[in-house]
C-alpha cells in the first residue's frame, strides 16, 4: 500500500514512518522538511496536498507552539483552528476526491476532557473536551466520520502520551534533572511506545473495512509512575538518587483499548519501556 503520511518528521510521525515501512508499505512523507527513509513531497496544513498515486492517508501533522499540545494555540486560537481543524478537513476532502480508500487520523485522549479522575475511558463515552486542543480533535473526528462510505474507510486513533527513543525524546529534560540530583515532582500518567502506536495505525489501514465501525479507537498501554520510571533510569545509568514520591494513580483516568485488541493489537507493556530506556540512556 502506498501511504501518504503527514507529520512524518515529527516526534510521533517518525515512529509511524518507521513502523509502516517495516510492514512493507511505501510511505510518502508530506511535510515542510524531508523525513528519513521516505519519498518527500513538500506540504503544510492549509495547502493542497500532493496525494497522486497514494492509496491511503495517515494524518499526524499538527501545528502548535513548540512542546505544547494542550494550550498549543498560545495567543492565536483562530489561527490554531484554521490550520489544525480547517486544514485537516481540507486534506480529508482532497483525499476522498483523489480516490484514496482509507484515512487514519491521529486524535487524542484529550477528547474525553473533564470526566472525573479514575473514570474508565471507553470509546462509547460521549467526548467532553475541556481544552481547545481536545475540542479541535473531536470536531475533526466527527467531520471525518461523516465522510465515510463504501470504499472510503475513516478512523480516528485516540492516543495517550507517546514515548520512545530519539534525540529529542519526551523525557530528556526529566532524565537530565534526575541524573543531576535535582528534585522531580511526583506524577503518574498513561503512556504508549511510539512503535506500538505505529502498529495500531497499521492495523487500522490493513483491517477489513467492516471491522472499523464505530470509527474511533483508543490507544494506550502502561500506567507509569515517575518513581518507577526513574528507578529504572538509575539502575541503567548507575546514578541518580533523588526519587520522587509515588503519585496517586487513582486520580488517572485510563483508556480501555478493547477495540484495538480485537483487531490483534498487542502493545509491549513494561518490556517495551525497558527496551526503550536502554536506547535512551
Protein backbone atom coordinates (compact mmCIF):
# COMPACT_ATOMS: atom_id res chain seq x y z
CA UNK A 1 0.00 0.00 0.00
CA UNK A 2 1.28 3.49 -0.81
CA UNK A 3 0.56 5.66 2.23
CA UNK A 4 0.70 9.43 2.48
CA UNK A 5 1.90 10.35 5.99
CA UNK A 6 1.68 13.89 7.31
CA UNK A 7 3.92 14.93 10.18
CA UNK A 8 6.43 12.21 9.32
CA UNK A 9 9.44 14.16 10.61
CA UNK A 10 7.82 14.97 13.97
CA UNK A 11 8.23 13.36 17.38
CA UNK A 12 5.33 10.98 16.75
CA UNK A 13 5.46 10.80 12.97
CA UNK A 14 8.92 9.27 12.94
CA UNK A 15 7.54 6.17 14.70
CA UNK A 16 4.66 5.96 12.24
CA UNK A 17 7.05 6.23 9.30
CA UNK A 18 9.34 3.52 10.60
CA UNK A 19 6.52 1.21 11.62
CA UNK A 20 4.58 1.46 8.37
CA UNK A 21 7.71 0.97 6.27
CA UNK A 22 8.71 -2.07 8.33
CA UNK A 23 5.41 -3.71 7.40
CA UNK A 24 6.18 -3.36 3.70
CA UNK A 25 4.20 -0.20 2.95
CA UNK A 26 5.59 2.51 0.71
CA UNK A 27 5.43 5.78 2.63
CA UNK A 28 5.21 9.25 1.10
CA UNK A 29 6.09 11.93 3.65
CA UNK A 30 4.06 15.13 3.31
CA UNK A 31 5.61 17.99 5.25
CA UNK A 32 7.82 21.03 5.40
CA UNK A 33 11.04 19.02 5.56
CA UNK A 34 12.21 15.60 4.41
CA UNK A 35 11.87 12.52 6.58
CA UNK A 36 14.48 9.79 6.53
CA UNK A 37 13.53 6.70 4.54
CA UNK A 38 10.57 8.07 2.60
CA UNK A 39 9.74 9.91 -0.58
CA UNK A 40 9.19 13.54 0.38
CA UNK A 41 6.60 15.94 -1.01
CA UNK A 42 6.61 19.48 0.29
CA UNK A 43 3.34 20.42 2.01
CA UNK A 44 1.89 22.07 5.09
CA UNK A 45 -1.54 22.33 6.67
CA UNK A 46 -3.85 24.54 4.62
CA UNK A 47 -2.13 23.82 1.30
CA UNK A 48 -3.36 21.50 -1.44
CA UNK A 49 -1.89 18.08 -0.71
CA UNK A 50 0.13 16.20 -3.37
CA UNK A 51 -1.67 12.86 -2.99
CA UNK A 52 -1.32 11.47 -6.51
CA UNK A 53 -0.54 7.76 -6.60
CA UNK A 54 -1.36 7.19 -2.92
CA UNK A 55 -3.81 4.58 -1.65
CA UNK A 56 -4.30 5.76 1.95
CA UNK A 57 -3.55 8.63 4.32
CA UNK A 58 -2.29 8.76 7.91
CA UNK A 59 -2.70 12.28 9.22
CA UNK A 60 -0.41 13.11 12.15
CA UNK A 61 0.61 16.69 11.33
CA UNK A 62 -0.26 19.22 13.99
CA UNK A 63 0.57 22.93 14.19
CA UNK A 64 1.22 24.14 17.77
CA UNK A 65 3.58 26.04 19.99
CA UNK A 66 6.82 24.07 20.49
CA UNK A 67 6.49 21.49 23.24
CA UNK A 68 2.79 22.14 23.87
CA UNK A 69 -0.29 20.19 22.80
CA UNK A 70 -2.96 21.26 25.25
CA UNK A 71 -2.51 25.01 25.18
CA UNK A 72 -0.68 24.77 21.88
CA UNK A 73 -2.75 27.59 20.45
CA UNK A 74 -0.91 30.18 22.57
CA UNK A 75 -2.47 33.58 21.97
CA UNK A 76 -3.80 32.70 18.48
CA UNK A 77 -6.77 30.33 18.85
CA UNK A 78 -8.24 31.35 15.50
CA UNK A 79 -5.02 30.54 13.67
CA UNK A 80 -4.73 27.27 15.58
CA UNK A 81 -8.20 26.19 14.45
CA UNK A 82 -7.70 27.43 10.91
CA UNK A 83 -4.65 25.25 10.44
CA UNK A 84 -5.50 22.18 12.51
CA UNK A 85 -9.25 21.88 12.15
CA UNK A 86 -9.95 23.51 8.80
CA UNK A 87 -6.64 22.36 7.28
CA UNK A 88 -7.35 18.75 8.30
CA UNK A 89 -10.86 18.83 6.84
CA UNK A 90 -9.50 20.25 3.60
CA UNK A 91 -6.94 17.44 3.50
CA UNK A 92 -9.61 14.77 4.02
CA UNK A 93 -11.81 16.17 1.25
CA UNK A 94 -8.82 16.17 -1.09
CA UNK A 95 -8.01 12.56 -0.17
CA UNK A 96 -11.57 11.49 -0.92
CA UNK A 97 -11.57 13.36 -4.23
CA UNK A 98 -8.22 11.78 -5.16
CA UNK A 99 -9.65 8.29 -4.70
CA UNK A 100 -7.76 7.23 -1.58
CA UNK A 101 -9.53 4.36 0.12
CA UNK A 102 -8.65 4.81 3.76
CA UNK A 103 -7.76 7.52 6.29
CA UNK A 104 -6.36 7.20 9.81
CA UNK A 105 -6.43 10.42 11.84
CA UNK A 106 -4.22 10.78 14.90
CA UNK A 107 -6.59 12.07 17.57
CA UNK A 108 -6.02 12.24 21.32
CA UNK A 109 -7.31 11.12 24.70
CA UNK A 110 -7.93 14.86 25.22
CA UNK A 111 -11.34 14.40 23.57
CA UNK A 112 -12.54 12.82 26.84
CA UNK A 113 -11.76 16.00 28.72
CA UNK A 114 -13.28 16.54 32.13
CA UNK A 115 -14.52 13.10 33.21
CA UNK A 116 -13.88 12.60 36.92
CA UNK A 117 -10.48 11.19 37.92
CA UNK A 118 -10.43 7.41 37.87
CA UNK A 119 -13.06 7.09 35.12
CA UNK A 120 -12.52 4.12 32.82
CA UNK A 121 -12.50 5.71 29.37
CA UNK A 122 -14.11 3.70 26.60
CA UNK A 123 -14.98 4.81 23.10
CA UNK A 124 -18.67 4.61 24.00
CA UNK A 125 -18.37 7.53 26.41
CA UNK A 126 -19.51 10.85 24.90
CA UNK A 127 -16.46 13.11 24.48
CA UNK A 128 -16.33 16.08 26.86
CA UNK A 129 -13.24 18.05 25.80
CA UNK A 130 -12.23 20.83 28.15
CA UNK A 131 -9.37 22.34 26.12
CA UNK A 132 -9.25 23.90 22.66
CA UNK A 133 -6.91 21.09 21.65
CA UNK A 134 -9.45 18.44 22.66
CA UNK A 135 -12.33 20.37 21.07
CA UNK A 136 -10.40 20.60 17.81
CA UNK A 137 -9.57 16.88 17.78
CA UNK A 138 -13.20 15.95 18.48
CA UNK A 139 -14.52 18.29 15.78
CA UNK A 140 -12.16 16.76 13.23
CA UNK A 141 -13.12 13.23 14.29
CA UNK A 142 -16.81 13.96 13.71
CA UNK A 143 -16.32 15.52 10.30
CA UNK A 144 -14.05 12.67 9.20
CA UNK A 145 -16.54 10.05 10.34
CA UNK A 146 -19.28 11.78 8.33
CA UNK A 147 -17.23 11.33 5.14
CA UNK A 148 -17.05 7.55 5.49
CA UNK A 149 -18.78 5.34 2.97
CA UNK A 150 -18.26 2.20 0.88
CA UNK A 151 -14.70 2.19 -0.39
CA UNK A 152 -13.71 5.12 1.84
CA UNK A 153 -12.96 3.91 5.38
CA UNK A 154 -12.14 6.53 8.01
CA UNK A 155 -10.87 6.00 11.54
CA UNK A 156 -9.55 8.10 14.42
CA UNK A 157 -6.87 6.86 16.78
CA UNK A 158 -7.19 8.40 20.26
CA UNK A 159 -3.65 8.18 21.56
CA UNK A 160 -2.28 8.80 25.02
CA UNK A 161 1.21 10.24 25.66
CA UNK A 162 3.81 8.82 23.26
CA UNK A 163 7.33 7.93 24.34
CA UNK A 164 10.28 6.28 22.64
CA UNK A 165 13.94 6.68 21.70
CA UNK A 166 15.15 9.68 19.75
CA UNK A 167 17.46 12.66 20.13
CA UNK A 168 14.62 14.85 21.41
CA UNK A 169 12.51 12.29 23.28
CA UNK A 170 9.84 13.49 25.71
CA UNK A 171 11.73 12.59 28.88
CA UNK A 172 15.11 14.14 28.03
CA UNK A 173 14.72 17.10 30.38
CA UNK A 174 13.30 14.90 33.14
CA UNK A 175 16.22 12.46 32.92
CA UNK A 176 18.80 15.25 32.89
CA UNK A 177 17.28 16.81 36.01
CA UNK A 178 17.10 13.49 37.83
CA UNK A 179 20.67 12.47 36.96
CA UNK A 180 21.83 15.88 38.19
CA UNK A 181 20.08 15.11 41.52
CA UNK A 182 17.61 17.92 41.07
CA UNK A 183 14.18 17.46 42.72
CA UNK A 184 11.50 15.92 40.48
CA UNK A 185 7.79 16.39 41.12
CA UNK A 186 5.62 13.27 41.56
CA UNK A 187 3.48 12.33 38.57
CA UNK A 188 1.69 9.28 37.19
CA UNK A 189 0.24 9.03 33.69
CA UNK A 190 -0.63 6.64 30.90
CA UNK A 191 1.98 6.08 28.22
CA UNK A 192 2.35 4.35 24.85
CA UNK A 193 5.51 3.45 22.94
CA UNK A 194 5.63 5.10 19.52
CA UNK A 195 6.23 1.75 17.84
CA UNK A 196 3.02 0.41 19.39
CA UNK A 197 1.17 3.46 18.08
CA UNK A 198 2.53 2.68 14.61
CA UNK A 199 1.36 -0.93 14.92
CA UNK A 200 -2.12 0.33 15.79
CA UNK A 201 -2.20 2.66 12.78
CA UNK A 202 -1.07 -0.18 10.51
CA UNK A 203 -3.86 -2.43 11.80
CA UNK A 204 -6.44 0.25 11.01
CA UNK A 205 -5.05 0.52 7.49
CA UNK A 206 -5.00 -3.21 6.91
CA UNK A 207 -8.15 -4.41 8.73
CA UNK A 208 -11.32 -5.33 6.83
CA UNK A 209 -13.46 -2.26 6.32
CA UNK A 210 -16.41 -3.80 8.14
CA UNK A 211 -14.36 -4.10 11.35
CA UNK A 212 -13.72 -0.34 11.55
CA UNK A 213 -17.15 0.81 12.69
CA UNK A 214 -17.55 2.52 15.13
CA UNK A 215 -14.77 4.70 13.84
CA UNK A 216 -12.77 5.69 16.93
CA UNK A 217 -10.14 3.57 18.68
CA UNK A 218 -8.34 4.16 21.98
CA UNK A 219 -4.58 3.59 22.04
CA UNK A 220 -2.90 3.38 25.44
CA UNK A 221 -0.70 0.92 27.27
CA UNK A 222 1.02 1.34 30.64
CA UNK A 223 0.18 3.33 33.76
CA UNK A 224 3.59 4.73 34.69
CA UNK A 225 4.64 6.46 37.90
CA UNK A 226 7.71 8.68 37.64
CA UNK A 227 9.20 6.90 40.62
CA UNK A 228 9.12 3.56 38.77
CA UNK A 229 10.45 5.19 35.60
CA UNK A 230 13.34 6.89 37.38
CA UNK A 231 14.21 3.78 39.38
CA UNK A 232 14.83 2.10 36.04
CA UNK A 233 16.86 5.09 34.83
CA UNK A 234 19.02 4.96 37.96
CA UNK A 235 19.62 1.24 37.55
CA UNK A 236 20.68 1.58 33.89
CA UNK A 237 22.72 4.77 34.31
CA UNK A 238 24.28 3.79 37.64
CA UNK A 239 23.44 7.19 39.12
CA UNK A 240 20.52 9.25 40.35
CA UNK A 241 19.27 9.16 43.93
CA UNK A 242 16.51 11.76 44.43
CA UNK A 243 13.49 9.64 43.58
CA UNK A 244 10.13 11.45 43.75
CA UNK A 245 7.31 10.31 45.99
CA UNK A 246 4.80 7.97 44.43
CA UNK A 247 1.80 9.76 42.90
CA UNK A 248 -1.88 8.82 43.31
CA UNK A 249 -2.76 6.50 40.42
CA UNK A 250 -6.43 6.58 41.36
CA UNK A 251 -6.52 10.16 40.04
CA UNK A 252 -5.74 8.99 36.49
CA UNK A 253 -8.44 8.02 34.01
CA UNK A 254 -7.12 5.19 31.85
CA UNK A 255 -8.41 4.28 28.42
CA UNK A 256 -9.61 0.77 27.65
CA UNK A 257 -8.33 -0.47 24.30
CA UNK A 258 -10.56 -3.49 23.69
CA UNK A 259 -11.46 -2.43 20.15
CA UNK A 260 -7.84 -2.36 19.04
CA UNK A 261 -7.06 -5.59 20.83
CA UNK A 262 -9.90 -7.28 18.99
CA UNK A 263 -8.02 -6.45 15.78
CA UNK A 264 -4.93 -8.21 17.16
CA UNK A 265 -3.07 -5.24 18.69
CA UNK A 266 -0.61 -6.27 21.40
CA UNK A 267 1.43 -3.42 22.92
CA UNK A 268 4.58 -4.50 24.73
CA UNK A 269 3.93 -3.01 28.17
CA UNK A 270 6.83 -2.66 30.59
CA UNK A 271 9.11 -4.77 28.40
CA UNK A 272 8.78 -2.12 25.71
CA UNK A 273 9.59 0.59 28.24
CA UNK A 274 12.73 -1.21 29.43
CA UNK A 275 13.95 -1.70 25.86
CA UNK A 276 13.33 1.96 25.05
CA UNK A 277 15.20 3.15 28.14
CA UNK A 278 18.28 1.15 27.16
CA UNK A 279 18.31 3.13 23.90
CA UNK A 280 17.61 6.49 25.53
CA UNK A 281 20.38 6.34 28.14
